[in-house]
Amino acid sequence: MDPELKIEQQASGRWAIVQETMYGERHVLEEHETVQDAQSSQRLPKIG
C-alpha cells in the first residue's frame, strides 16, 4: 500500500502536503502559503 498524501492546514495557518504511512506516521513533505499552491504541487498525483 502506498503512503497516502493529504493537504492539511497547519496550526500556523500554512497548508502542508502530509504523507501518512500505513503505520499512522505523518510526514510533512511541503508547506505552502495557500491551499491553491498546495493543490498545484508537483508531488500530488494529477486528477482527471
N, C-alpha and C. Protein backbone atom coordinates (compact mmCIF):
# COMPACT_ATOMS: atom_id res chain seq x y z
N MET A 1 0.84 -1.19 0.00
CA MET A 1 0.00 0.00 0.00
C MET A 1 0.88 1.25 0.00
N ASP A 2 0.62 2.14 -0.93
CA ASP A 2 1.40 3.37 -1.00
C ASP A 2 0.97 4.33 0.10
N PRO A 3 1.91 5.11 0.61
CA PRO A 3 1.52 6.13 1.59
C PRO A 3 0.54 7.11 0.97
N GLU A 4 -0.38 7.59 1.78
CA GLU A 4 -1.42 8.50 1.30
C GLU A 4 -0.95 9.94 1.45
N LEU A 5 -1.21 10.77 0.45
CA LEU A 5 -0.88 12.19 0.52
C LEU A 5 -2.16 12.98 0.75
N LYS A 6 -2.09 13.92 1.69
CA LYS A 6 -3.24 14.75 2.00
C LYS A 6 -2.79 16.20 2.08
N ILE A 7 -3.71 17.12 1.86
CA ILE A 7 -3.45 18.53 2.10
C ILE A 7 -4.17 18.89 3.39
N GLU A 8 -3.43 19.45 4.33
CA GLU A 8 -4.00 19.82 5.63
C GLU A 8 -3.53 21.20 6.01
N GLN A 9 -4.40 21.93 6.72
CA GLN A 9 -3.99 23.24 7.22
C GLN A 9 -3.28 23.04 8.55
N GLN A 10 -2.13 23.66 8.68
CA GLN A 10 -1.33 23.56 9.89
C GLN A 10 -1.78 24.61 10.90
N ALA A 11 -1.33 24.46 12.14
CA ALA A 11 -1.67 25.42 13.19
C ALA A 11 -1.17 26.82 12.85
N SER A 12 -0.10 26.89 12.07
CA SER A 12 0.48 28.18 11.67
C SER A 12 -0.38 28.89 10.63
N GLY A 13 -1.37 28.20 10.07
CA GLY A 13 -2.21 28.77 9.03
C GLY A 13 -1.72 28.42 7.63
N ARG A 14 -0.54 27.83 7.55
CA ARG A 14 0.00 27.41 6.26
C ARG A 14 -0.62 26.06 5.88
N TRP A 15 -0.52 25.73 4.60
CA TRP A 15 -1.07 24.48 4.11
C TRP A 15 0.08 23.52 3.84
N ALA A 16 -0.08 22.29 4.24
CA ALA A 16 1.00 21.32 4.10
C ALA A 16 0.52 20.10 3.34
N ILE A 17 1.44 19.53 2.57
CA ILE A 17 1.20 18.22 1.97
C ILE A 17 1.78 17.21 2.94
N VAL A 18 0.90 16.37 3.47
CA VAL A 18 1.28 15.43 4.51
C VAL A 18 1.20 14.02 3.94
N GLN A 19 2.23 13.24 4.20
CA GLN A 19 2.25 11.84 3.79
C GLN A 19 1.98 11.01 5.03
N GLU A 20 0.98 10.14 4.95
CA GLU A 20 0.64 9.28 6.07
C GLU A 20 0.95 7.84 5.69
N THR A 21 1.77 7.19 6.50
CA THR A 21 2.13 5.80 6.21
C THR A 21 1.07 4.87 6.77
N MET A 22 1.18 3.60 6.38
CA MET A 22 0.21 2.62 6.86
C MET A 22 0.34 2.38 8.36
N TYR A 23 1.41 2.87 8.95
CA TYR A 23 1.60 2.74 10.40
C TYR A 23 1.10 3.97 11.15
N GLY A 24 0.51 4.91 10.42
CA GLY A 24 -0.03 6.11 11.05
C GLY A 24 0.99 7.21 11.27
N GLU A 25 2.21 7.02 10.77
CA GLU A 25 3.22 8.07 10.88
C GLU A 25 2.90 9.17 9.88
N ARG A 26 3.15 10.40 10.27
CA ARG A 26 2.83 11.54 9.41
C ARG A 26 4.11 12.33 9.15
N HIS A 27 4.31 12.66 7.89
CA HIS A 27 5.49 13.42 7.48
C HIS A 27 5.03 14.58 6.61
N VAL A 28 5.43 15.79 6.98
CA VAL A 28 5.13 16.96 6.16
C VAL A 28 6.17 17.02 5.05
N LEU A 29 5.71 16.96 3.81
CA LEU A 29 6.61 16.97 2.66
C LEU A 29 6.88 18.39 2.18
N GLU A 30 5.85 19.22 2.19
CA GLU A 30 5.97 20.60 1.72
C GLU A 30 5.00 21.46 2.50
N GLU A 31 5.32 22.74 2.63
CA GLU A 31 4.38 23.71 3.18
C GLU A 31 4.17 24.82 2.16
N HIS A 32 2.94 25.32 2.11
CA HIS A 32 2.59 26.36 1.15
C HIS A 32 1.77 27.43 1.85
N GLU A 33 1.79 28.63 1.27
CA GLU A 33 1.03 29.75 1.83
C GLU A 33 -0.47 29.57 1.64
N THR A 34 -0.87 29.03 0.49
CA THR A 34 -2.30 28.91 0.19
C THR A 34 -2.63 27.47 -0.21
N VAL A 35 -3.90 27.12 -0.07
CA VAL A 35 -4.33 25.78 -0.46
C VAL A 35 -4.18 25.59 -1.97
N GLN A 36 -4.33 26.67 -2.74
CA GLN A 36 -4.17 26.56 -4.19
C GLN A 36 -2.72 26.19 -4.54
N ASP A 37 -1.77 26.79 -3.83
CA ASP A 37 -0.36 26.44 -4.06
C ASP A 37 -0.12 24.98 -3.73
N ALA A 38 -0.69 24.51 -2.63
CA ALA A 38 -0.52 23.12 -2.23
C ALA A 38 -1.14 22.18 -3.27
N GLN A 39 -2.33 22.55 -3.78
CA GLN A 39 -3.01 21.70 -4.75
C GLN A 39 -2.26 21.62 -6.07
N SER A 40 -1.48 22.65 -6.40
CA SER A 40 -0.76 22.65 -7.66
C SER A 40 0.65 22.06 -7.52
N SER A 41 0.95 21.51 -6.37
CA SER A 41 2.27 20.92 -6.14
C SER A 41 2.55 19.77 -7.09
N GLN A 42 3.79 19.64 -7.48
CA GLN A 42 4.20 18.54 -8.35
C GLN A 42 4.15 17.19 -7.64
N ARG A 43 4.12 17.20 -6.32
CA ARG A 43 4.11 15.94 -5.56
C ARG A 43 2.77 15.21 -5.65
N LEU A 44 1.70 15.98 -5.84
CA LEU A 44 0.37 15.36 -5.84
C LEU A 44 0.09 14.70 -7.19
N PRO A 45 -0.56 13.56 -7.17
CA PRO A 45 -0.93 12.93 -8.44
C PRO A 45 -1.96 13.80 -9.14
N LYS A 46 -1.86 13.88 -10.44
CA LYS A 46 -2.82 14.68 -11.21
C LYS A 46 -4.14 13.92 -11.31
N ILE A 47 -5.22 14.63 -11.12
CA ILE A 47 -6.56 14.02 -11.15
C ILE A 47 -7.24 14.42 -12.46
N GLY A 48 -7.81 13.42 -13.13
CA GLY A 48 -8.56 13.71 -14.33
C GLY A 48 -7.78 13.63 -15.60
